């Protein structure tokens, strides 16, 4: 009896390519943005609940681990935004050539890192203290 073979190609056959990795990352950042939105909702509800609850929320949100998560959430936002714009160009019929797809993929990665760095540079400069 011969072993059962898959009917279609799968992840064990294909090597990850930039386009597939960016697609998977786009989905993961969408999930991360949903989770981050729950944190934002927690903060907004603490504001509405009064000064005591707000002070508790501020204590929690000033934790270094939460700050690292906020930086990651900021990057996820900008990655998702830039990659969404890339997809809008694809929807209009532009950028399908393999070379262009790779260039735009790298541009998404670079832009998301730059935008995240700029936002957090503004945050740190406004606070006058390191993260």
C-alpha atoms as a PDB file:
ATOM      1  CA  UNK A   1       0.000   0.000   0.000  1.00  0.00           C
ATOM      2  CA  UNK A   2       1.428   3.411  -0.966  1.00  0.00           C
ATOM      3  CA  UNK A   3       1.544   6.333   1.475  1.00  0.00           C
ATOM      4  CA  UNK A   4      -1.219   8.915   1.261  1.00  0.00           C
ATOM      5  CA  UNK A   5      -0.126  11.944  -0.758  1.00  0.00           C
ATOM      6  CA  UNK A   6      -1.695  15.363  -0.379  1.00  0.00           C
ATOM      7  CA  UNK A   7      -4.025  16.363  -3.194  1.00  0.00           C
ATOM      8  CA  UNK A   8      -2.615  19.888  -3.456  1.00  0.00           C
ATOM      9  CA  UNK A   9       0.720  21.552  -2.640  1.00  0.00           C
ATOM     10  CA  UNK A  10       1.213  22.549   0.980  1.00  0.00           C
ATOM     11  CA  UNK A  11       3.714  24.244   3.302  1.00  0.00           C
ATOM     12  CA  UNK A  12       6.003  21.218   3.479  1.00  0.00           C
ATOM     13  CA  UNK A  13       6.662  21.499  -0.250  1.00  0.00           C
ATOM     14  CA  UNK A  14       6.953  25.259  -0.783  1.00  0.00           C
ATOM     15  CA  UNK A  15       9.722  27.450   0.590  1.00  0.00           C
ATOM     16  CA  UNK A  16       8.480  30.693   2.136  1.00  0.00           C
ATOM     17  CA  UNK A  17       8.706  33.616  -0.281  1.00  0.00           C
ATOM     18  CA  UNK A  18       8.582  37.304   0.542  1.00  0.00           C
ATOM     19  CA  UNK A  19       5.067  37.667  -0.824  1.00  0.00           C
ATOM     20  CA  UNK A  20       3.709  34.759   1.218  1.00  0.00           C
ATOM     21  CA  UNK A  21       5.478  35.902   4.393  1.00  0.00           C
ATOM     22  CA  UNK A  22       4.108  39.423   3.950  1.00  0.00           C
ATOM     23  CA  UNK A  23       0.607  38.021   3.410  1.00  0.00           C
ATOM     24  CA  UNK A  24       0.780  35.939   6.574  1.00  0.00           C
ATOM     25  CA  UNK A  25       2.233  38.899   8.490  1.00  0.00           C
ATOM     26  CA  UNK A  26      -0.650  41.064   7.258  1.00  0.00           C
ATOM     27  CA  UNK A  27      -3.120  38.617   8.776  1.00  0.00           C
ATOM     28  CA  UNK A  28      -1.171  38.392  12.049  1.00  0.00           C
ATOM     29  CA  UNK A  29      -0.959  42.181  12.356  1.00  0.00           C
ATOM     30  CA  UNK A  30      -4.717  42.363  11.833  1.00  0.00           C
ATOM     31  CA  UNK A  31      -5.182  40.090  14.835  1.00  0.00           C
ATOM     32  CA  UNK A  32      -2.616  42.091  16.846  1.00  0.00           C
ATOM     33  CA  UNK A  33      -4.481  45.302  16.045  1.00  0.00           C
ATOM     34  CA  UNK A  34      -7.688  43.766  17.377  1.00  0.00           C
ATOM     35  CA  UNK A  35      -5.967  42.847  20.630  1.00  0.00           C
ATOM     36  CA  UNK A  36      -4.344  46.281  20.861  1.00  0.00           C
ATOM     37  CA  UNK A  37      -7.735  47.884  20.360  1.00  0.00           C
ATOM     38  CA  UNK A  38      -8.935  46.022  23.457  1.00  0.00           C
ATOM     39  CA  UNK A  39      -6.072  47.627  25.425  1.00  0.00           C
ATOM     40  CA  UNK A  40      -7.083  51.018  24.058  1.00  0.00           C
ATOM     41  CA  UNK A  41     -10.673  50.331  25.107  1.00  0.00           C
ATOM     42  CA  UNK A  42      -9.459  49.415  28.616  1.00  0.00           C
ATOM     43  CA  UNK A  43      -7.644  52.754  28.835  1.00  0.00           C
ATOM     44  CA  UNK A  44     -10.682  54.715  27.596  1.00  0.00           C
ATOM     45  CA  UNK A  45     -13.000  52.938  30.026  1.00  0.00           C
ATOM     46  CA  UNK A  46     -10.614  53.741  32.871  1.00  0.00           C
ATOM     47  CA  UNK A  47     -10.819  57.421  31.926  1.00  0.00           C
ATOM     48  CA  UNK A  48     -14.603  57.235  32.056  1.00  0.00           C
ATOM     49  CA  UNK A  49     -14.585  55.316  35.358  1.00  0.00           C
ATOM     50  CA  UNK A  50     -12.892  58.094  37.289  1.00  0.00           C
ATOM     51  CA  UNK A  51      -9.526  59.191  38.669  1.00  0.00           C
ATOM     52  CA  UNK A  52      -8.838  56.057  40.731  1.00  0.00           C
ATOM     53  CA  UNK A  53      -9.390  53.663  37.856  1.00  0.00           C
ATOM     54  CA  UNK A  54      -7.435  55.922  35.518  1.00  0.00           C
ATOM     55  CA  UNK A  55      -4.482  55.968  37.918  1.00  0.00           C
ATOM     56  CA  UNK A  56      -4.549  52.160  38.092  1.00  0.00           C
ATOM     57  CA  UNK A  57      -4.667  51.895  34.306  1.00  0.00           C
ATOM     58  CA  UNK A  58      -1.765  54.316  33.963  1.00  0.00           C
ATOM     59  CA  UNK A  59       0.266  52.207  36.393  1.00  0.00           C
ATOM     60  CA  UNK A  60      -0.420  49.082  34.346  1.00  0.00           C
ATOM     61  CA  UNK A  61       0.242  50.778  31.017  1.00  0.00           C
ATOM     62  CA  UNK A  62       3.558  52.281  32.169  1.00  0.00           C
ATOM     63  CA  UNK A  63       5.025  48.807  32.704  1.00  0.00           C
ATOM     64  CA  UNK A  64       8.005  48.228  30.398  1.00  0.00           C
ATOM     65  CA  UNK A  65       6.454  45.052  28.987  1.00  0.00           C
ATOM     66  CA  UNK A  66       3.310  46.948  27.996  1.00  0.00           C
ATOM     67  CA  UNK A  67       5.479  49.664  26.414  1.00  0.00           C
ATOM     68  CA  UNK A  68       7.232  47.039  24.297  1.00  0.00           C
ATOM     69  CA  UNK A  69       3.815  45.682  23.308  1.00  0.00           C
ATOM     70  CA  UNK A  70       2.700  49.223  22.398  1.00  0.00           C
ATOM     71  CA  UNK A  71       5.732  49.632  20.164  1.00  0.00           C
ATOM     72  CA  UNK A  72       4.854  46.310  18.515  1.00  0.00           C
ATOM     73  CA  UNK A  73       1.238  47.419  18.163  1.00  0.00           C
ATOM     74  CA  UNK A  74       2.385  50.675  16.552  1.00  0.00           C
ATOM     75  CA  UNK A  75       4.518  48.730  14.073  1.00  0.00           C
ATOM     76  CA  UNK A  76       1.585  46.386  13.368  1.00  0.00           C
ATOM     77  CA  UNK A  77      -0.594  49.411  12.655  1.00  0.00           C
ATOM     78  CA  UNK A  78       1.843  50.957  10.203  1.00  0.00           C
ATOM     79  CA  UNK A  79       2.652  47.622   8.580  1.00  0.00           C
ATOM     80  CA  UNK A  80      -1.042  46.864   8.108  1.00  0.00           C
ATOM     81  CA  UNK A  81      -1.647  50.386   6.761  1.00  0.00           C
ATOM     82  CA  UNK A  82       1.259  50.328   4.293  1.00  0.00           C
ATOM     83  CA  UNK A  83       0.493  46.810   3.129  1.00  0.00           C
ATOM     84  CA  UNK A  84      -3.163  47.772   2.724  1.00  0.00           C
ATOM     85  CA  UNK A  85      -2.118  50.643   0.460  1.00  0.00           C
ATOM     86  CA  UNK A  86       0.026  48.164  -1.495  1.00  0.00           C
ATOM     87  CA  UNK A  87      -3.054  45.973  -1.912  1.00  0.00           C
ATOM     88  CA  UNK A  88      -5.063  48.954  -3.144  1.00  0.00           C
ATOM     89  CA  UNK A  89      -2.528  49.376  -5.945  1.00  0.00           C
ATOM     90  CA  UNK A  90      -2.906  45.686  -6.722  1.00  0.00           C
ATOM     91  CA  UNK A  91      -6.687  46.099  -6.795  1.00  0.00           C
ATOM     92  CA  UNK A  92      -6.191  48.860  -9.378  1.00  0.00           C
ATOM     93  CA  UNK A  93      -4.070  46.478 -11.460  1.00  0.00           C
ATOM     94  CA  UNK A  94      -0.600  47.864 -10.689  1.00  0.00           C
ATOM     95  CA  UNK A  95       2.480  46.186  -9.256  1.00  0.00           C
ATOM     96  CA  UNK A  96       1.927  42.549 -10.200  1.00  0.00           C
ATOM     97  CA  UNK A  97       5.303  42.026 -11.859  1.00  0.00           C
ATOM     98  CA  UNK A  98       7.507  39.890  -9.625  1.00  0.00           C
ATOM     99  CA  UNK A  99      10.220  42.541  -9.319  1.00  0.00           C
ATOM    100  CA  UNK A 100       7.690  45.233  -8.491  1.00  0.00           C
ATOM    101  CA  UNK A 101       5.965  42.987  -5.949  1.00  0.00           C
ATOM    102  CA  UNK A 102       9.267  42.423  -4.169  1.00  0.00           C
ATOM    103  CA  UNK A 103      10.210  46.115  -4.257  1.00  0.00           C
ATOM    104  CA  UNK A 104       6.844  47.160  -2.872  1.00  0.00           C
ATOM    105  CA  UNK A 105       7.103  44.441  -0.213  1.00  0.00           C
ATOM    106  CA  UNK A 106      10.457  45.729   0.966  1.00  0.00           C
ATOM    107  CA  UNK A 107       9.101  49.289   0.814  1.00  0.00           C
ATOM    108  CA  UNK A 108       6.255  48.244   3.138  1.00  0.00           C
ATOM    109  CA  UNK A 109       8.741  46.802   5.642  1.00  0.00           C
ATOM    110  CA  UNK A 110      11.027  49.850   5.553  1.00  0.00           C
ATOM    111  CA  UNK A 111       8.153  52.355   5.716  1.00  0.00           C
ATOM    112  CA  UNK A 112       6.517  50.602   8.673  1.00  0.00           C
ATOM    113  CA  UNK A 113       9.775  50.655  10.639  1.00  0.00           C
ATOM    114  CA  UNK A 114      10.433  54.317   9.785  1.00  0.00           C
ATOM    115  CA  UNK A 115       6.901  55.427  10.701  1.00  0.00           C
ATOM    116  CA  UNK A 116       7.044  53.480  13.964  1.00  0.00           C
ATOM    117  CA  UNK A 117      10.400  55.067  14.809  1.00  0.00           C
ATOM    118  CA  UNK A 118       9.094  58.556  14.042  1.00  0.00           C
ATOM    119  CA  UNK A 119       5.991  58.128  16.180  1.00  0.00           C
ATOM    120  CA  UNK A 120       7.949  56.774  19.145  1.00  0.00           C
ATOM    121  CA  UNK A 121      10.580  59.494  18.780  1.00  0.00           C
ATOM    122  CA  UNK A 122       7.733  61.993  19.135  1.00  0.00           C
ATOM    123  CA  UNK A 123       6.341  60.126  22.154  1.00  0.00           C
ATOM    124  CA  UNK A 124       9.703  60.047  23.903  1.00  0.00           C
ATOM    125  CA  UNK A 125      10.443  63.695  23.116  1.00  0.00           C
ATOM    126  CA  UNK A 126       7.042  64.743  24.517  1.00  0.00           C
ATOM    127  CA  UNK A 127       7.565  62.788  27.718  1.00  0.00           C
ATOM    128  CA  UNK A 128      11.111  63.992  28.180  1.00  0.00           C
ATOM    129  CA  UNK A 129      12.109  60.526  29.410  1.00  0.00           C
ATOM    130  CA  UNK A 130      13.134  57.248  27.852  1.00  0.00           C
ATOM    131  CA  UNK A 131      10.608  54.496  27.333  1.00  0.00           C
END
